[in-house]
Amino acid sequence: MNNDVIIIIIIIIIDCLGLQDVGYLIPTDIQAAGIPLSLKGCDILGAAKTGSGKTLAFLVPVRHLVSLL
């Protein structure tokens, strides 16, 4: 799967979760790299500077999976 498809999938998830209403429109690099792996059930170890979106990279997949319950 290429990066453009991954970004589109993440944007759809962000839209479905209503995150665009609070200003999250396009995933950051750490989110684009981590979210697809999280959704596949992979363990992830990521490092990025403060404010890069690491917490949301963790929470978007968690919120998505909880919404499926």
C-alpha atoms as a PDB file:
ATOM      1  CA  MET A   1       0.000   0.000   0.000  1.00  0.00           C
ATOM      2  CA  ASN A   2       1.514   3.353  -0.965  1.00  0.00           C
ATOM      3  CA  ASN A   3       1.706   6.436   1.246  1.00  0.00           C
ATOM      4  CA  ASP A   4      -1.122   8.256  -0.545  1.00  0.00           C
ATOM      5  CA  VAL A   5      -3.549   5.425   0.206  1.00  0.00           C
ATOM      6  CA  ILE A   6      -2.413   5.287   3.830  1.00  0.00           C
ATOM      7  CA  ILE A   7      -2.954   9.040   4.238  1.00  0.00           C
ATOM      8  CA  ILE A   8      -6.440   8.763   2.711  1.00  0.00           C
ATOM      9  CA  ILE A   9      -7.373   5.930   5.076  1.00  0.00           C
ATOM     10  CA  ILE A  10      -6.165   7.902   8.099  1.00  0.00           C
ATOM     11  CA  ILE A  11      -8.079  11.004   6.963  1.00  0.00           C
ATOM     12  CA  ILE A  12     -11.236   8.884   6.663  1.00  0.00           C
ATOM     13  CA  ILE A  13     -10.739   7.555  10.204  1.00  0.00           C
ATOM     14  CA  ILE A  14     -10.123  11.085  11.509  1.00  0.00           C
ATOM     15  CA  ASP A  15     -13.319  12.212   9.773  1.00  0.00           C
ATOM     16  CA  CYS A  16     -15.361   9.303  11.140  1.00  0.00           C
ATOM     17  CA  LEU A  17     -14.167   9.995  14.677  1.00  0.00           C
ATOM     18  CA  GLY A  18     -15.093  13.675  14.398  1.00  0.00           C
ATOM     19  CA  LEU A  19     -11.536  14.865  14.956  1.00  0.00           C
ATOM     20  CA  GLN A  20     -11.719  17.331  12.074  1.00  0.00           C
ATOM     21  CA  ASP A  21     -14.054  19.413  14.250  1.00  0.00           C
ATOM     22  CA  VAL A  22     -11.148  20.172  16.590  1.00  0.00           C
ATOM     23  CA  GLY A  23      -8.623  20.905  13.862  1.00  0.00           C
ATOM     24  CA  TYR A  24      -7.069  17.537  13.020  1.00  0.00           C
ATOM     25  CA  LEU A  25      -7.282  17.354   9.249  1.00  0.00           C
ATOM     26  CA  ILE A  26      -4.089  15.736   7.954  1.00  0.00           C
ATOM     27  CA  PRO A  27      -1.947  13.231   9.870  1.00  0.00           C
ATOM     28  CA  THR A  28       1.600  14.113  10.856  1.00  0.00           C
ATOM     29  CA  ASP A  29       4.518  11.918   9.782  1.00  0.00           C
ATOM     30  CA  ILE A  30       4.493   9.898  13.021  1.00  0.00           C
ATOM     31  CA  GLN A  31       0.730   9.376  12.716  1.00  0.00           C
ATOM     32  CA  ALA A  32       0.966   8.329   9.062  1.00  0.00           C
ATOM     33  CA  ALA A  33       3.660   5.824   9.967  1.00  0.00           C
ATOM     34  CA  GLY A  34       2.119   4.477  13.175  1.00  0.00           C
ATOM     35  CA  ILE A  35      -1.649   4.391  12.718  1.00  0.00           C
ATOM     36  CA  PRO A  36      -1.764   1.797   9.912  1.00  0.00           C
ATOM     37  CA  LEU A  37       0.524  -0.515  11.878  1.00  0.00           C
ATOM     38  CA  SER A  38      -1.579  -0.083  15.017  1.00  0.00           C
ATOM     39  CA  LEU A  39      -4.746  -0.923  13.124  1.00  0.00           C
ATOM     40  CA  LYS A  40      -3.057  -4.131  11.940  1.00  0.00           C
ATOM     41  CA  GLY A  41      -2.332  -5.047  15.568  1.00  0.00           C
ATOM     42  CA  CYS A  42       1.404  -4.464  15.428  1.00  0.00           C
ATOM     43  CA  ASP A  43       3.438  -3.246  18.377  1.00  0.00           C
ATOM     44  CA  ILE A  44       5.010   0.136  17.698  1.00  0.00           C
ATOM     45  CA  LEU A  45       7.937   2.059  19.096  1.00  0.00           C
ATOM     46  CA  GLY A  46       8.159   5.603  17.775  1.00  0.00           C
ATOM     47  CA  ALA A  47      10.270   8.613  18.601  1.00  0.00           C
ATOM     48  CA  ALA A  48       9.469  12.169  17.590  1.00  0.00           C
ATOM     49  CA  LYS A  49       9.738  15.644  19.047  1.00  0.00           C
ATOM     50  CA  THR A  50       7.167  17.175  21.382  1.00  0.00           C
ATOM     51  CA  GLY A  51       4.055  18.312  19.544  1.00  0.00           C
ATOM     52  CA  SER A  52       4.514  15.910  16.642  1.00  0.00           C
ATOM     53  CA  GLY A  53       1.304  13.968  17.261  1.00  0.00           C
ATOM     54  CA  LYS A  54       2.540  10.839  19.025  1.00  0.00           C
ATOM     55  CA  THR A  55      -0.357  10.745  21.483  1.00  0.00           C
ATOM     56  CA  LEU A  56      -2.941  11.035  18.744  1.00  0.00           C
ATOM     57  CA  ALA A  57      -1.078   8.365  16.760  1.00  0.00           C
ATOM     58  CA  PHE A  58      -1.767   6.087  19.735  1.00  0.00           C
ATOM     59  CA  LEU A  59      -5.319   7.244  20.457  1.00  0.00           C
ATOM     60  CA  VAL A  60      -6.832   7.260  16.956  1.00  0.00           C
ATOM     61  CA  PRO A  61      -6.470   3.482  16.491  1.00  0.00           C
ATOM     62  CA  VAL A  62      -7.595   2.821  20.070  1.00  0.00           C
ATOM     63  CA  ARG A  63     -10.681   4.999  19.597  1.00  0.00           C
ATOM     64  CA  HIS A  64     -11.413   3.380  16.249  1.00  0.00           C
ATOM     65  CA  LEU A  65     -11.183  -0.139  17.679  1.00  0.00           C
ATOM     66  CA  VAL A  66     -13.360   0.787  20.681  1.00  0.00           C
ATOM     67  CA  SER A  67     -15.987   2.170  18.308  1.00  0.00           C
ATOM     68  CA  LEU A  68     -16.186  -1.270  16.679  1.00  0.00           C
ATOM     69  CA  LEU A  69     -17.247  -2.946  19.954  1.00  0.00           C
END
